[in-house]
Amino acid sequence: MACDNTHPCPCVNTACSNHGKCCDCVAAHKGGGELPACLR
């Protein structure tokens, strides 16, 4: 899956391995039944 972000990542969790890769981040959180910080 291509993940071309057109906006800077607003997430405050800069230590996350998915920081700046929104597609991967949302997929990882959704798989765990939660929301990433940027969507809370």
C-alpha atoms as a PDB file:
ATOM      1  CA  MET A   1       0.000   0.000   0.000  1.00  0.00           C
ATOM      2  CA  ALA A   2       1.401   3.388  -0.940  1.00  0.00           C
ATOM      3  CA  CYS A   3       1.412   5.912   1.864  1.00  0.00           C
ATOM      4  CA  ASP A   4       2.096   9.345   0.480  1.00  0.00           C
ATOM      5  CA  ASN A   5       1.398  11.896   3.200  1.00  0.00           C
ATOM      6  CA  THR A   6       0.698  15.384   1.910  1.00  0.00           C
ATOM      7  CA  HIS A   7       0.565  17.065   5.348  1.00  0.00           C
ATOM      8  CA  PRO A   8       2.983  17.016   8.293  1.00  0.00           C
ATOM      9  CA  CYS A   9       2.193  14.368  10.913  1.00  0.00           C
ATOM     10  CA  PRO A  10       0.327  16.018  13.840  1.00  0.00           C
ATOM     11  CA  CYS A  11       0.941  13.110  16.223  1.00  0.00           C
ATOM     12  CA  VAL A  12       2.701  13.959  19.484  1.00  0.00           C
ATOM     13  CA  ASN A  13       4.135  10.433  19.875  1.00  0.00           C
ATOM     14  CA  THR A  14       7.382  11.038  17.985  1.00  0.00           C
ATOM     15  CA  ALA A  15       8.934   7.853  19.416  1.00  0.00           C
ATOM     16  CA  CYS A  16       6.434   5.677  17.496  1.00  0.00           C
ATOM     17  CA  SER A  17       7.938   3.617  14.688  1.00  0.00           C
ATOM     18  CA  ASN A  18       4.946   4.619  12.511  1.00  0.00           C
ATOM     19  CA  HIS A  19       5.290   8.375  13.175  1.00  0.00           C
ATOM     20  CA  GLY A  20       4.856  10.239   9.902  1.00  0.00           C
ATOM     21  CA  LYS A  21       3.468   7.177   8.105  1.00  0.00           C
ATOM     22  CA  CYS A  22      -0.264   7.754   8.575  1.00  0.00           C
ATOM     23  CA  CYS A  23      -1.471   4.706   6.618  1.00  0.00           C
ATOM     24  CA  ASP A  24       0.720   2.355   8.665  1.00  0.00           C
ATOM     25  CA  CYS A  25      -0.124   4.117  11.926  1.00  0.00           C
ATOM     26  CA  VAL A  26      -3.902   4.025  11.457  1.00  0.00           C
ATOM     27  CA  ALA A  27      -3.768   0.390  10.308  1.00  0.00           C
ATOM     28  CA  ALA A  28      -1.731  -0.630  13.366  1.00  0.00           C
ATOM     29  CA  HIS A  29      -4.029   1.154  15.805  1.00  0.00           C
ATOM     30  CA  LYS A  30      -7.225   0.008  14.094  1.00  0.00           C
ATOM     31  CA  GLY A  31      -6.000  -3.591  14.293  1.00  0.00           C
ATOM     32  CA  GLY A  32      -5.705  -3.126  18.055  1.00  0.00           C
ATOM     33  CA  GLY A  33      -9.164  -1.542  18.370  1.00  0.00           C
ATOM     34  CA  GLU A  34      -7.857   1.917  19.224  1.00  0.00           C
ATOM     35  CA  LEU A  35      -7.347   5.323  17.624  1.00  0.00           C
ATOM     36  CA  PRO A  36      -3.972   6.941  16.984  1.00  0.00           C
ATOM     37  CA  ALA A  37      -3.253  10.121  18.948  1.00  0.00           C
ATOM     38  CA  CYS A  38      -3.920  12.345  15.910  1.00  0.00           C
ATOM     39  CA  LEU A  39      -7.509  11.071  15.622  1.00  0.00           C
ATOM     40  CA  ARG A  40      -8.477  11.319  19.306  1.00  0.00           C
END
